[in-house]
Amino acid sequence: MTERQRAAEETGAEAEGGGPAEREEVSEHTVEAVVRAQLAKALGGKRGMVEAAVPTIGFTVSYLVTQNLQLALGLGIGAALVLAAVRLAQRSSVQFVFNSLFGIAIAAVFALRSGDAEDFALPGIIYNAVYAAVLTLSILVRWPAIGLLIGAVTGDPTGWRANPAVVRLSSRLTWLLVLPCVVRVAVQLPLWAAEKYDIASTFAFLGVAKIAMGWPLQVAALAAMVWILARGKTPMTDDTGLTGPSDEEPDTDRRTPPAP
C-alpha cells in the first residue's frame, strides 16, 4: 500500500470539489508490482514445482514399465495423495498438490474412458488451446488479461484503460501468457495424434513434453514478463498528458483521468 493510499484510508480525505478520495494512478510501477506478486504466488517455490510434476512423472514411468493403465493412474494419483498428506502433516498449504491432483484426476477420466493411455494428455491440450484463444481474444478487443488482473488488484476494474501505454504494455505481457499455451499445443498435439492413431510410438515423448512444458515453460514466460518490465518501461508520455515513472517524487495532485 502506498503512502497516498494509507493517508486516504486514515483521514478519509476527499478530492477537491467534495468528490470521492482519489485513486492511485495506474502506471508501469503498478503493472510491475502486480506481475511480480503473481509470479511469487503462482510458482510456490521449488517444492511447489516438484509437487506439480511428480504425479505426471509417476504415471508416465509406471505406464512405460508396466503397460498397465489402471496401475499407472493409481500410482500417479497415489503420489499426489502422499504429497498432500505430507503437506497436511506439516500444516502447510496443499494448494499446489491439490492442483496437481485435480489435473491428474481429470486426465485419468479421459484415459479410462477411452482405454488409451495417451489420452491423459488430452485435457491439457484442450485447456491450453482454449486458454490461448481466450487470452488472444482479450488482446484483440483491447481488454488484455493482464490489464484485467491489474484492475482486480487495484480495485479499479477499468481505470487502467485510461492510459494507452498501460494498455499496450498489458497486451505485450498477455502475449507472453499466450506463447506457452501455443507451444504446448503445437508440440503435444502431434505427439498425441501419432500415438492415438498408431502412426508412431510417441507416448514417452508425450510424457516428457508434458512435464518439460509444464512449470518450466510457465516460469520462463513469467520471468520474461519481469525482464521486460525491468529492462525498459514503456514511456508514459502521450496525448493523455500522463508521465512515466522517474526518480522524482510523484505529483500527489495528479489524478487518474476518467475511464473512456
Protein backbone atom coordinates (compact mmCIF):
# COMPACT_ATOMS: atom_id res chain seq x y z
CA MET A 1 0.00 0.00 0.00
CA THR A 2 1.38 3.42 -0.95
CA GLU A 3 1.65 6.39 1.37
CA ARG A 4 -1.13 8.04 -0.58
CA GLN A 5 -3.47 5.11 -0.08
CA ARG A 6 -2.68 4.95 3.64
CA ALA A 7 -3.33 8.65 4.02
CA ALA A 8 -6.67 8.34 2.23
CA GLU A 9 -7.76 5.49 4.48
CA GLU A 10 -6.66 7.17 7.71
CA THR A 11 -8.10 10.60 7.08
CA GLY A 12 -10.98 9.79 4.75
CA ALA A 13 -9.94 12.89 2.85
CA GLU A 14 -11.85 13.76 -0.28
CA ALA A 15 -10.60 15.23 -3.51
CA GLU A 16 -11.19 18.92 -4.31
CA GLY A 17 -14.79 19.79 -5.02
CA GLY A 18 -16.14 17.33 -2.47
CA GLY A 19 -15.65 14.29 -4.72
CA PRO A 20 -14.51 10.85 -3.55
CA ALA A 21 -10.91 10.25 -2.48
CA GLU A 22 -8.62 9.92 -5.46
CA ARG A 23 -7.30 6.57 -6.62
CA GLU A 24 -3.68 5.68 -7.15
CA GLU A 25 -2.59 6.24 -10.74
CA VAL A 26 -2.06 3.06 -12.69
CA SER A 27 1.39 3.05 -14.29
CA GLU A 28 4.20 0.64 -15.12
CA HIS A 29 5.04 0.58 -11.42
CA THR A 30 1.58 -0.82 -10.79
CA VAL A 31 1.95 -3.36 -13.60
CA GLU A 32 5.37 -4.48 -12.38
CA ALA A 33 4.17 -4.84 -8.79
CA VAL A 34 1.18 -6.93 -9.90
CA VAL A 35 3.26 -9.20 -12.16
CA ARG A 36 5.94 -9.79 -9.54
CA ALA A 37 3.32 -10.57 -6.88
CA GLN A 38 1.55 -13.02 -9.18
CA LEU A 39 4.90 -14.61 -10.12
CA ALA A 40 5.70 -15.31 -6.47
CA LYS A 41 2.15 -16.53 -5.81
CA ALA A 42 1.97 -18.78 -8.86
CA LEU A 43 5.27 -20.63 -8.57
CA GLY A 44 5.10 -21.84 -4.99
CA GLY A 45 8.87 -22.21 -4.90
CA LYS A 46 10.87 -25.28 -5.89
CA ARG A 47 8.71 -27.53 -3.76
CA GLY A 48 5.53 -26.39 -5.49
CA MET A 49 7.02 -27.08 -8.92
CA VAL A 50 8.23 -30.54 -7.87
CA GLU A 51 4.84 -31.39 -6.43
CA ALA A 52 3.20 -30.40 -9.70
CA ALA A 53 5.50 -32.70 -11.70
CA VAL A 54 5.72 -35.82 -9.51
CA PRO A 55 2.26 -37.33 -10.29
CA THR A 56 2.79 -36.99 -14.05
CA ILE A 57 6.27 -38.49 -13.78
CA GLY A 58 4.90 -41.36 -11.70
CA PHE A 59 2.16 -42.09 -14.22
CA THR A 60 4.40 -41.85 -17.30
CA VAL A 61 7.20 -44.03 -15.92
CA SER A 62 4.76 -46.58 -14.46
CA TYR A 63 2.91 -47.00 -17.73
CA LEU A 64 6.10 -47.33 -19.76
CA VAL A 65 7.31 -50.06 -17.40
CA THR A 66 4.06 -51.97 -16.80
CA GLN A 67 1.86 -51.05 -19.78
CA ASN A 68 -0.99 -51.18 -17.24
CA LEU A 69 -3.19 -48.08 -17.48
CA GLN A 70 -5.10 -48.58 -14.23
CA LEU A 71 -1.94 -49.28 -12.24
CA ALA A 72 -0.11 -46.28 -13.72
CA LEU A 73 -3.02 -43.95 -12.97
CA GLY A 74 -3.28 -45.37 -9.46
CA LEU A 75 0.41 -44.73 -8.82
CA GLY A 76 0.20 -41.19 -10.20
CA ILE A 77 -2.81 -40.33 -8.05
CA GLY A 78 -1.25 -42.13 -5.09
CA ALA A 79 1.87 -39.99 -5.39
CA ALA A 80 -0.25 -36.84 -5.27
CA LEU A 81 -2.14 -38.10 -2.21
CA VAL A 82 1.14 -38.88 -0.40
CA LEU A 83 2.40 -35.37 -1.13
CA ALA A 84 -0.89 -33.93 0.13
CA ALA A 85 -0.65 -35.99 3.33
CA VAL A 86 2.87 -34.68 3.95
CA ARG A 87 1.65 -31.12 3.47
CA LEU A 88 -1.24 -31.65 5.88
CA ALA A 89 1.06 -33.23 8.46
CA GLN A 90 3.30 -30.18 8.22
CA ARG A 91 0.27 -27.86 8.41
CA SER A 92 1.29 -26.16 5.18
CA SER A 93 -0.70 -25.19 2.11
CA VAL A 94 -1.88 -28.03 -0.12
CA GLN A 95 -2.71 -25.67 -2.99
CA PHE A 96 -0.09 -26.91 -5.44
CA VAL A 97 -0.61 -30.57 -4.55
CA PHE A 98 -4.35 -30.09 -4.99
CA ASN A 99 -3.82 -28.50 -8.41
CA SER A 100 -1.69 -31.48 -9.42
CA LEU A 101 -4.19 -33.98 -8.01
CA PHE A 102 -7.07 -32.28 -9.79
CA GLY A 103 -5.15 -32.31 -13.06
CA ILE A 104 -4.23 -35.99 -12.94
CA ALA A 105 -7.78 -36.90 -11.84
CA ILE A 106 -9.20 -35.23 -14.96
CA ALA A 107 -6.51 -36.93 -17.06
CA ALA A 108 -7.49 -40.28 -15.52
CA VAL A 109 -11.13 -39.76 -16.51
CA PHE A 110 -10.15 -39.17 -20.15
CA ALA A 111 -7.71 -42.09 -20.26
CA LEU A 112 -10.01 -44.59 -18.54
CA ARG A 113 -12.99 -43.59 -20.66
CA SER A 114 -11.14 -44.30 -23.92
CA GLY A 115 -8.81 -47.00 -22.62
CA ASP A 116 -5.87 -45.25 -24.29
CA ALA A 117 -3.04 -44.07 -22.02
CA GLU A 118 -2.09 -41.22 -24.34
CA ASP A 119 -5.44 -39.56 -23.63
CA PHE A 120 -4.08 -38.49 -20.24
CA ALA A 121 -2.56 -35.56 -22.15
CA LEU A 122 -5.77 -34.60 -23.94
CA PRO A 123 -7.32 -32.42 -21.18
CA GLY A 124 -4.15 -30.34 -21.03
CA ILE A 125 -4.07 -29.90 -24.80
CA ILE A 126 -7.71 -28.78 -24.85
CA TYR A 127 -7.19 -26.46 -21.87
CA ASN A 128 -4.16 -24.78 -23.43
CA ALA A 129 -5.90 -24.33 -26.79
CA VAL A 130 -8.95 -22.71 -25.17
CA TYR A 131 -6.83 -20.61 -22.80
CA ALA A 132 -4.70 -19.31 -25.68
CA ALA A 133 -7.82 -18.45 -27.68
CA VAL A 134 -9.41 -16.55 -24.77
CA LEU A 135 -6.22 -14.61 -24.00
CA THR A 136 -5.76 -13.74 -27.67
CA LEU A 137 -9.33 -12.51 -27.88
CA SER A 138 -8.81 -10.33 -24.81
CA ILE A 139 -5.86 -8.68 -26.57
CA LEU A 140 -7.71 -8.17 -29.85
CA VAL A 141 -10.62 -6.43 -28.13
CA ARG A 142 -8.14 -4.29 -26.13
CA TRP A 143 -9.06 -5.76 -22.78
CA PRO A 144 -5.84 -7.80 -22.25
CA ALA A 145 -5.94 -10.27 -19.37
CA ILE A 146 -3.02 -8.64 -17.54
CA GLY A 147 -4.96 -5.36 -17.55
CA LEU A 148 -7.96 -7.11 -16.02
CA LEU A 149 -5.65 -8.51 -13.35
CA ILE A 150 -4.35 -5.00 -12.65
CA GLY A 151 -7.90 -3.75 -12.29
CA ALA A 152 -8.76 -6.54 -9.86
CA VAL A 153 -5.70 -5.86 -7.71
CA THR A 154 -6.05 -2.06 -7.67
CA GLY A 155 -9.79 -2.14 -7.07
CA ASP A 156 -10.50 -0.06 -10.18
CA PRO A 157 -11.62 -2.54 -12.90
CA THR A 158 -11.48 -0.03 -15.80
CA GLY A 159 -9.15 2.75 -14.65
CA TRP A 160 -6.08 1.19 -16.26
CA ARG A 161 -7.69 1.59 -19.72
CA ALA A 162 -7.45 5.38 -19.38
CA ASN A 163 -3.73 5.07 -20.06
CA PRO A 164 -2.93 3.81 -23.60
CA ALA A 165 0.65 3.00 -22.59
CA VAL A 166 -0.55 0.65 -19.85
CA VAL A 167 -2.97 -0.99 -22.31
CA ARG A 168 -0.11 -1.57 -24.77
CA LEU A 169 2.16 -2.92 -22.05
CA SER A 170 -0.58 -5.20 -20.73
CA SER A 171 -1.14 -6.53 -24.24
CA ARG A 172 2.56 -7.38 -24.67
CA LEU A 173 2.64 -9.13 -21.31
CA THR A 174 -0.53 -11.06 -22.12
CA TRP A 175 1.07 -12.31 -25.36
CA LEU A 176 3.74 -13.87 -23.14
CA LEU A 177 0.99 -15.87 -21.43
CA VAL A 178 -0.37 -16.97 -24.80
CA LEU A 179 3.00 -18.22 -26.06
CA PRO A 180 3.48 -21.18 -23.67
CA CYS A 181 -0.05 -22.40 -24.41
CA VAL A 182 0.56 -22.29 -28.16
CA VAL A 183 3.90 -24.08 -27.81
CA ARG A 184 2.34 -26.85 -25.69
CA VAL A 185 -0.43 -27.46 -28.20
CA ALA A 186 1.94 -27.29 -31.18
CA VAL A 187 4.25 -29.93 -29.66
CA GLN A 188 1.90 -32.19 -27.71
CA LEU A 189 -0.99 -32.43 -30.17
CA PRO A 190 1.09 -34.11 -32.94
CA LEU A 191 2.66 -36.46 -30.37
CA TRP A 192 -0.79 -37.40 -29.03
CA ALA A 193 -2.18 -37.89 -32.55
CA ALA A 194 0.77 -40.04 -33.61
CA GLU A 195 0.28 -42.36 -30.62
CA LYS A 196 -3.50 -42.30 -30.82
CA TYR A 197 -3.66 -43.32 -34.47
CA ASP A 198 -0.68 -45.72 -34.37
CA ILE A 199 1.46 -43.56 -36.62
CA ALA A 200 4.43 -43.81 -34.25
CA SER A 201 5.19 -44.79 -30.67
CA THR A 202 5.39 -41.36 -29.06
CA PHE A 203 3.99 -41.97 -25.56
CA ALA A 204 7.33 -41.47 -23.82
CA PHE A 205 7.96 -38.25 -25.74
CA LEU A 206 4.44 -37.08 -24.88
CA GLY A 207 5.07 -37.69 -21.17
CA VAL A 208 8.41 -35.87 -21.28
CA ALA A 209 6.85 -32.97 -23.21
CA LYS A 210 4.02 -32.67 -20.69
CA ILE A 211 6.48 -32.45 -17.80
CA ALA A 212 9.03 -30.21 -19.53
CA MET A 213 6.37 -27.84 -20.85
CA GLY A 214 4.55 -27.54 -17.55
CA TRP A 215 6.07 -25.36 -14.87
CA PRO A 216 9.42 -24.80 -16.64
CA LEU A 217 7.72 -23.17 -19.61
CA GLN A 218 5.39 -21.16 -17.38
CA VAL A 219 8.33 -19.96 -15.27
CA ALA A 220 10.15 -18.89 -18.43
CA ALA A 221 7.13 -16.88 -19.62
CA LEU A 222 6.63 -15.16 -16.27
CA ALA A 223 10.36 -14.46 -15.97
CA ALA A 224 10.27 -12.90 -19.44
CA MET A 225 7.46 -10.64 -18.26
CA VAL A 226 9.54 -9.46 -15.32
CA TRP A 227 12.56 -8.99 -17.61
CA ILE A 228 10.57 -6.80 -20.00
CA LEU A 229 9.35 -4.66 -17.11
CA ALA A 230 12.85 -4.33 -15.65
CA ARG A 231 14.63 -3.81 -18.99
CA GLY A 232 12.80 -0.70 -20.07
CA LYS A 233 9.43 0.58 -19.11
CA THR A 234 7.07 1.92 -21.79
CA PRO A 235 7.21 5.75 -21.92
CA MET A 236 4.12 7.24 -20.37
CA THR A 237 4.19 10.48 -22.34
CA ASP A 238 1.39 10.59 -24.86
CA ASP A 239 -1.67 12.59 -25.76
CA THR A 240 -3.19 11.92 -22.35
CA GLY A 241 -0.51 14.07 -20.73
CA LEU A 242 0.49 11.30 -18.33
CA THR A 243 4.16 10.98 -17.45
CA GLY A 244 6.13 7.87 -16.69
CA PRO A 245 7.90 6.71 -13.55
CA SER A 246 11.02 8.58 -12.59
CA ASP A 247 13.37 9.03 -9.65
CA GLU A 248 11.45 12.13 -8.61
CA GLU A 249 8.63 12.06 -6.10
CA PRO A 250 5.27 11.62 -7.79
CA ASP A 251 2.95 14.59 -8.04
CA THR A 252 0.35 13.87 -5.36
CA ASP A 253 -2.15 16.22 -7.01
CA ARG A 254 -2.15 14.32 -10.29
CA ARG A 255 -5.31 12.29 -10.76
CA THR A 256 -6.12 9.37 -12.99
CA PRO A 257 -8.24 10.51 -15.96
CA PRO A 258 -11.71 9.00 -16.08
CA ALA A 259 -12.08 5.75 -17.98
CA PRO A 260 -13.36 6.18 -21.55
